[in-house]
Amino acid sequence: MVQEKPLSPDLPAAEPPRPAAAATLLALMHAQGEVERLSEREQLLSSLLVSVNAVLWAVDWETRRVLYVSPAYERVFGRAASLLLADHREWRNSIHPEDLDYAEQSLTRVLTTGAVEDREYRIITADGQIRWLCDKCYINQQAVPDKPLVVVGIAEDITEKKQLELELHRLATTDVLTQSSNRRHFFECANQAFDVASAQGAPLAFLLLDIDDFKDINDTYGHLEGDQVLRRIAESGRGVLRRGDLFGRIGGEEFAAVLPGCAPEMALQVAERLGKEIQALSFSYDGRAFNVTVSQGLASLRDSDSTLDSLFARADAAMYEAKRLGKNRVIAD
């Protein structure tokens, strides 16, 4: 008689086979769960992209076809993303004309460097606003031979930051009262103009002007009226001088101008016209009208001038000579 061997208690009992329908159902349920988890991830990613206030983009470099642009594009550019996806030139057409060459050339550098960071340029939104972008772009590291070269990037709106930087720069370089260049900024720019003129052998003139009897104006009409005189003279200076000329307040009642490319005869004409404009200004205080005049010293660049200081010193001496000879005049060195 054959005796059956008992099952080992360490081995689990064999699972009965599932019906085909049950196995299919379980597979479908598993697949549905995966789909739901994938959908949740996609929704999460979509929510994150909507909340990010930067434009994420991807471009096929060969065809320049925009493969992807994030929802922030419409907020920042004020244009429909569908237009950009249909025509990559939408991005180019949005760039400020003065920044277009830089934006295109800097983007091309990504081919040799693999990444280009902190490209700052301006765009013009659909409603005409000018906004600043800081753009970073990279070659997709997953690019492989015989596959399209994809450049990806992120463009952040830095308009508020840029406006703050510009305002800080303005405060650091501008005389608060007259809105002209302050002394430090004026001489920084003047030295640069001197170096350029000296290197190129080009003409350059330095004009120094001082308000005649300004202490009497303050004593007679008060410092508020004196401030008004300073502001009006600064306005006259900016109005008379040419584009590219430098003008600033370098002392209490003292202003200066640098005239690049201006021959001595022309510089003298500019100074005389400025003196007449200032003398024609009319001021009134407590029913009393008064006018102001300025004494001016003019010096033109010579071969012997090795620094701006020598030019400045000659203009200063000429200005004091104008004071000595009766004020309200221009003396050219």
Protein backbone atom coordinates (compact mmCIF):
# COMPACT_ATOMS: atom_id res chain seq x y z
CA MET A 1 0.00 0.00 0.00
CA VAL A 2 1.43 3.39 -1.04
CA GLN A 3 1.38 5.99 1.71
CA GLU A 4 0.83 9.66 0.63
CA LYS A 5 3.51 12.08 1.71
CA PRO A 6 2.06 14.97 3.73
CA LEU A 7 2.55 18.53 2.38
CA SER A 8 5.36 20.48 3.99
CA PRO A 9 3.99 23.15 6.33
CA ASP A 10 6.62 25.61 4.94
CA LEU A 11 5.18 25.61 1.41
CA PRO A 12 2.10 27.72 0.63
CA ALA A 13 -0.82 26.09 -0.93
CA ALA A 14 -0.93 26.59 -4.70
CA GLU A 15 -3.18 29.50 -5.82
CA PRO A 16 -6.09 28.22 -7.79
CA PRO A 17 -6.02 29.38 -11.39
CA ARG A 18 -8.04 32.56 -12.12
CA PRO A 19 -10.69 32.57 -14.74
CA ALA A 20 -9.63 34.41 -17.87
CA ALA A 21 -12.30 37.08 -17.31
CA ALA A 22 -11.00 37.84 -13.81
CA ALA A 23 -7.42 38.16 -15.03
CA THR A 24 -8.52 40.54 -17.76
CA LEU A 25 -10.52 42.60 -15.27
CA LEU A 26 -7.55 42.90 -12.92
CA ALA A 27 -5.29 43.94 -15.82
CA LEU A 28 -7.80 46.60 -16.87
CA MET A 29 -8.07 47.90 -13.32
CA HIS A 30 -4.28 48.12 -13.07
CA ALA A 31 -4.07 49.91 -16.41
CA GLN A 32 -6.82 52.34 -15.33
CA GLY A 33 -4.90 53.10 -12.14
CA GLU A 34 -1.76 53.85 -14.13
CA VAL A 35 -3.75 56.13 -16.45
CA GLU A 36 -5.24 57.95 -13.47
CA ARG A 37 -1.82 58.40 -11.86
CA LEU A 38 -0.42 59.66 -15.16
CA SER A 39 -3.35 62.05 -15.51
CA GLU A 40 -2.75 63.35 -11.98
CA ARG A 41 0.91 63.96 -12.80
CA GLU A 42 -0.01 65.76 -16.00
CA GLN A 43 -2.51 67.93 -14.12
CA LEU A 44 0.10 68.73 -11.49
CA LEU A 45 2.66 69.63 -14.14
CA SER A 46 0.10 71.75 -15.97
CA SER A 47 -0.76 73.59 -12.75
CA LEU A 48 2.90 74.25 -12.04
CA LEU A 49 3.50 75.60 -15.55
CA VAL A 50 0.51 77.91 -15.26
CA SER A 51 1.74 79.31 -11.94
CA VAL A 52 5.34 79.92 -13.07
CA ASN A 53 5.74 83.55 -14.14
CA ALA A 54 8.39 82.75 -16.75
CA VAL A 55 8.13 81.63 -20.35
CA LEU A 56 9.43 78.10 -20.93
CA TRP A 57 10.09 77.27 -24.57
CA ALA A 58 11.60 74.69 -26.89
CA VAL A 59 12.64 75.20 -30.51
CA ASP A 60 13.73 72.83 -33.26
CA TRP A 61 16.92 74.62 -34.28
CA GLU A 62 16.98 73.33 -37.86
CA THR A 63 13.48 74.43 -38.77
CA ARG A 64 13.09 77.13 -36.06
CA ARG A 65 9.73 75.53 -35.32
CA VAL A 66 8.50 76.28 -31.81
CA LEU A 67 7.81 72.90 -30.23
CA TYR A 68 6.51 74.19 -26.92
CA VAL A 69 5.77 77.44 -25.12
CA SER A 70 4.37 77.67 -21.60
CA PRO A 71 1.17 79.50 -20.60
CA ALA A 72 3.14 82.47 -19.20
CA TYR A 73 3.87 83.52 -22.80
CA GLU A 74 0.39 84.96 -23.16
CA ARG A 75 0.68 86.88 -19.87
CA VAL A 76 4.12 88.31 -20.61
CA PHE A 77 3.80 88.98 -24.34
CA GLY A 78 0.07 89.63 -24.46
CA ARG A 79 -0.18 87.46 -27.56
CA ALA A 80 -1.81 84.09 -28.25
CA ALA A 81 0.57 81.14 -27.91
CA SER A 82 -1.08 79.54 -30.93
CA LEU A 83 0.33 82.29 -33.15
CA LEU A 84 3.87 81.58 -31.95
CA LEU A 85 3.45 77.83 -32.38
CA ALA A 86 2.27 78.45 -35.93
CA ASP A 87 5.06 80.89 -36.81
CA HIS A 88 8.34 81.25 -34.89
CA ARG A 89 8.76 84.78 -36.27
CA GLU A 90 6.17 85.96 -33.75
CA TRP A 91 8.92 85.93 -31.11
CA ARG A 92 11.34 87.84 -33.33
CA ASN A 93 8.70 90.40 -34.25
CA SER A 94 8.06 91.07 -30.56
CA ILE A 95 11.66 92.07 -29.77
CA HIS A 96 12.43 95.78 -29.48
CA PRO A 97 14.10 96.91 -32.75
CA GLU A 98 17.15 98.25 -30.87
CA ASP A 99 17.72 94.86 -29.22
CA LEU A 100 16.95 92.58 -32.16
CA ASP A 101 20.51 92.07 -33.43
CA TYR A 102 21.80 91.33 -29.94
CA ALA A 103 18.97 88.89 -29.20
CA GLU A 104 19.55 86.93 -32.41
CA GLN A 105 23.35 86.89 -32.26
CA SER A 106 23.48 85.90 -28.60
CA LEU A 107 21.04 83.06 -29.24
CA THR A 108 23.26 81.73 -32.02
CA ARG A 109 26.15 81.42 -29.54
CA VAL A 110 24.35 78.48 -27.95
CA LEU A 111 25.64 76.30 -30.80
CA THR A 112 29.26 76.78 -29.73
CA THR A 113 28.86 77.20 -25.98
CA GLY A 114 26.01 74.78 -25.32
CA ALA A 115 24.32 77.36 -23.11
CA VAL A 116 23.74 81.10 -23.10
CA GLU A 117 22.70 82.68 -19.82
CA ASP A 118 21.31 86.04 -18.78
CA ARG A 119 20.50 87.51 -22.18
CA GLU A 120 18.68 90.74 -21.33
CA TYR A 121 16.60 92.41 -24.02
CA ARG A 122 13.34 94.31 -24.43
CA ILE A 123 10.10 93.21 -26.02
CA ILE A 124 7.05 95.17 -27.09
CA THR A 125 3.81 93.59 -25.94
CA ALA A 126 0.66 93.47 -28.04
CA ASP A 127 -0.67 96.60 -26.30
CA GLY A 128 2.55 98.54 -26.84
CA GLN A 129 4.20 98.14 -23.44
CA ILE A 130 7.99 97.77 -23.30
CA ARG A 131 9.08 94.94 -21.02
CA TRP A 132 12.51 93.53 -20.14
CA LEU A 133 13.28 89.80 -20.36
CA CYS A 134 16.17 87.79 -18.97
CA ASP A 135 16.52 84.74 -21.19
CA LYS A 136 18.55 81.56 -20.57
CA CYS A 137 18.79 78.87 -23.21
CA TYR A 138 20.49 75.50 -23.54
CA ILE A 139 20.99 72.76 -26.10
CA ASN A 140 18.93 69.75 -25.08
CA GLN A 141 21.41 67.34 -23.48
CA GLN A 142 19.38 64.40 -24.74
CA ALA A 143 20.07 65.34 -28.34
CA VAL A 144 21.47 62.42 -30.33
CA PRO A 145 22.87 62.05 -33.86
CA ASP A 146 20.30 62.11 -36.66
CA LYS A 147 17.74 63.59 -34.29
CA PRO A 148 16.53 67.21 -34.35
CA LEU A 149 18.68 69.65 -32.36
CA VAL A 150 16.37 71.13 -29.76
CA VAL A 151 17.15 74.36 -27.91
CA VAL A 152 15.21 74.90 -24.71
CA GLY A 153 15.03 77.99 -22.57
CA ILE A 154 13.34 80.06 -19.92
CA ALA A 155 12.57 83.76 -20.30
CA GLU A 156 11.83 85.67 -17.10
CA ASP A 157 10.08 89.05 -16.97
CA ILE A 158 12.52 91.36 -15.14
CA THR A 159 10.81 94.68 -15.96
CA GLU A 160 10.37 95.77 -12.34
CA LYS A 161 13.96 94.84 -11.49
CA LYS A 162 15.25 96.72 -14.53
CA GLN A 163 13.20 99.80 -13.73
CA LEU A 164 14.62 99.78 -10.21
CA GLU A 165 18.17 99.46 -11.57
CA LEU A 166 17.59 102.35 -13.98
CA GLU A 167 16.14 104.49 -11.20
CA LEU A 168 19.09 103.74 -8.91
CA HIS A 169 21.46 104.61 -11.76
CA ARG A 170 19.59 107.86 -12.38
CA LEU A 171 19.79 108.81 -8.72
CA ALA A 172 23.50 108.00 -8.64
CA THR A 173 24.34 110.03 -11.75
CA THR A 174 21.86 112.91 -11.69
CA ASP A 175 21.80 116.19 -9.79
CA VAL A 176 18.48 116.00 -7.97
CA LEU A 177 17.68 119.72 -8.21
CA THR A 178 18.41 120.34 -11.90
CA GLN A 179 18.05 116.80 -13.33
CA SER A 180 21.40 117.30 -15.07
CA SER A 181 24.43 115.06 -14.67
CA ASN A 182 26.05 115.43 -11.27
CA ARG A 183 29.75 116.27 -10.95
CA ARG A 184 31.01 112.70 -10.65
CA HIS A 185 29.03 111.37 -13.61
CA PHE A 186 29.78 114.42 -15.75
CA PHE A 187 33.54 114.04 -15.35
CA GLU A 188 33.36 110.27 -15.92
CA CYS A 189 31.66 110.87 -19.27
CA ALA A 190 33.88 113.88 -20.05
CA ASN A 191 37.04 111.83 -19.54
CA GLN A 192 35.70 109.14 -21.87
CA ALA A 193 34.93 111.78 -24.52
CA PHE A 194 38.43 113.24 -24.07
CA ASP A 195 40.08 109.84 -24.55
CA VAL A 196 38.09 109.19 -27.73
CA ALA A 197 38.84 112.62 -29.19
CA SER A 198 42.55 112.34 -28.35
CA ALA A 199 42.82 108.87 -29.91
CA GLN A 200 40.99 109.93 -33.08
CA GLY A 201 42.52 113.39 -33.40
CA ALA A 202 39.00 114.85 -33.33
CA PRO A 203 38.04 118.30 -32.03
CA LEU A 204 36.61 118.71 -28.54
CA ALA A 205 35.56 121.76 -26.52
CA PHE A 206 35.12 122.25 -22.77
CA LEU A 207 32.70 124.98 -21.66
CA LEU A 208 32.45 126.23 -18.09
CA LEU A 209 29.72 128.65 -16.99
CA ASP A 210 29.05 130.35 -13.69
CA ILE A 211 25.92 132.34 -12.75
CA ASP A 212 26.77 135.98 -12.16
CA ASP A 213 26.03 137.36 -8.69
CA PHE A 214 24.18 134.23 -7.62
CA LYS A 215 24.69 135.01 -3.92
CA ASP A 216 22.81 138.28 -4.42
CA ILE A 217 19.93 136.37 -6.02
CA ASN A 218 19.69 134.05 -3.00
CA ASP A 219 20.00 136.95 -0.55
CA THR A 220 17.43 139.11 -2.34
CA TYR A 221 14.83 136.61 -3.50
CA GLY A 222 15.47 133.61 -1.29
CA HIS A 223 16.94 130.16 -1.85
CA LEU A 224 13.74 128.75 -3.35
CA GLU A 225 13.93 131.31 -6.11
CA GLY A 226 17.63 130.59 -6.46
CA ASP A 227 16.78 126.92 -6.97
CA GLN A 228 14.34 127.93 -9.69
CA VAL A 229 17.11 129.86 -11.44
CA LEU A 230 19.34 126.78 -11.37
CA ARG A 231 16.59 124.59 -12.82
CA ARG A 232 15.79 127.02 -15.63
CA ILE A 233 19.45 127.41 -16.61
CA ALA A 234 19.82 123.62 -16.72
CA GLU A 235 16.80 123.45 -19.03
CA SER A 236 18.37 126.08 -21.30
CA GLY A 237 21.60 124.11 -21.40
CA ARG A 238 19.85 120.91 -22.41
CA GLY A 239 17.82 122.81 -25.01
CA VAL A 240 20.72 124.59 -26.70
CA LEU A 241 23.33 121.85 -26.74
CA ARG A 242 23.45 119.25 -29.50
CA ARG A 243 22.64 115.57 -29.26
CA GLY A 244 25.77 113.87 -27.94
CA ASP A 245 26.99 116.90 -25.98
CA LEU A 246 27.50 116.49 -22.24
CA PHE A 247 26.01 118.89 -19.70
CA GLY A 248 26.09 118.85 -15.92
CA ARG A 249 26.04 120.81 -12.70
CA ILE A 250 29.50 120.57 -11.18
CA GLY A 251 29.17 123.05 -8.30
CA GLY A 252 26.70 125.28 -6.47
CA GLU A 253 26.06 127.73 -9.32
CA GLU A 254 28.55 126.28 -11.78
CA PHE A 255 27.70 124.21 -14.86
CA ALA A 256 29.91 122.61 -17.50
CA ALA A 257 29.54 121.19 -20.99
CA VAL A 258 31.73 119.04 -23.21
CA LEU A 259 31.18 119.33 -26.95
CA PRO A 260 32.63 116.34 -28.85
CA GLY A 261 33.46 116.93 -32.50
CA CYS A 262 32.99 120.68 -32.09
CA ALA A 263 35.63 122.94 -33.66
CA PRO A 264 36.58 126.14 -31.77
CA GLU A 265 34.52 128.48 -33.96
CA MET A 266 31.39 126.37 -33.65
CA ALA A 267 31.93 125.92 -29.90
CA LEU A 268 32.07 129.69 -29.49
CA GLN A 269 28.79 130.05 -31.37
CA VAL A 270 27.16 127.45 -29.10
CA ALA A 271 28.41 129.24 -25.97
CA GLU A 272 27.21 132.65 -27.18
CA ARG A 273 23.79 131.26 -28.07
CA LEU A 274 23.53 129.63 -24.63
CA GLY A 275 24.45 132.94 -22.93
CA LYS A 276 21.71 134.76 -24.85
CA GLU A 277 19.13 132.08 -24.03
CA ILE A 278 19.91 132.38 -20.33
CA GLN A 279 19.84 136.18 -20.38
CA ALA A 280 16.40 136.04 -22.05
CA LEU A 281 14.95 134.02 -19.17
CA SER A 282 12.50 136.02 -17.09
CA PHE A 283 11.99 135.53 -13.35
CA SER A 284 9.52 137.13 -11.00
CA TYR A 285 9.42 137.28 -7.21
CA ASP A 286 6.85 139.18 -5.14
CA GLY A 287 5.92 141.30 -8.13
CA ARG A 288 9.53 142.11 -9.01
CA ALA A 289 10.98 140.84 -12.30
CA PHE A 290 14.64 140.03 -12.71
CA ASN A 291 17.02 138.37 -15.14
CA VAL A 292 20.27 136.47 -14.78
CA THR A 293 23.47 136.25 -16.77
CA VAL A 294 26.40 133.84 -16.87
CA SER A 295 30.13 134.17 -17.38
CA GLN A 296 31.63 131.46 -19.57
CA GLY A 297 35.09 130.09 -20.21
CA LEU A 298 35.75 128.02 -23.31
CA ALA A 299 38.76 125.82 -24.06
CA SER A 300 39.33 123.66 -27.12
CA LEU A 301 41.46 120.53 -27.25
CA ARG A 302 45.13 121.01 -28.14
CA ASP A 303 47.83 118.49 -29.00
CA SER A 304 49.56 119.43 -25.75
CA ASP A 305 46.53 118.45 -23.63
CA SER A 306 47.43 115.08 -22.12
CA THR A 307 44.45 114.91 -19.76
CA LEU A 308 41.03 116.46 -19.39
CA ASP A 309 42.33 118.34 -16.35
CA SER A 310 44.45 120.63 -18.50
CA LEU A 311 41.44 121.46 -20.67
CA PHE A 312 39.31 122.06 -17.58
CA ALA A 313 41.96 124.32 -16.04
CA ARG A 314 42.13 126.52 -19.15
CA ALA A 315 38.34 126.80 -19.29
CA ASP A 316 38.28 127.71 -15.60
CA ALA A 317 40.90 130.44 -16.07
CA ALA A 318 38.96 131.81 -19.08
CA MET A 319 35.74 131.87 -17.05
CA TYR A 320 37.38 133.92 -14.27
CA GLU A 321 38.74 136.26 -16.93
CA ALA A 322 35.15 136.75 -18.16
CA LYS A 323 34.16 137.65 -14.58
CA ARG A 324 37.04 140.12 -14.32
CA LEU A 325 36.14 141.82 -17.60
CA GLY A 326 32.58 142.57 -16.51
CA LYS A 327 30.65 139.26 -16.54
CA ASN A 328 27.90 138.19 -19.00
CA ARG A 329 30.36 137.15 -21.69
CA VAL A 330 32.33 134.26 -23.18
CA ILE A 331 36.11 134.16 -23.11
CA ALA A 332 37.75 131.53 -25.32
CA ASP A 333 41.20 130.31 -24.39
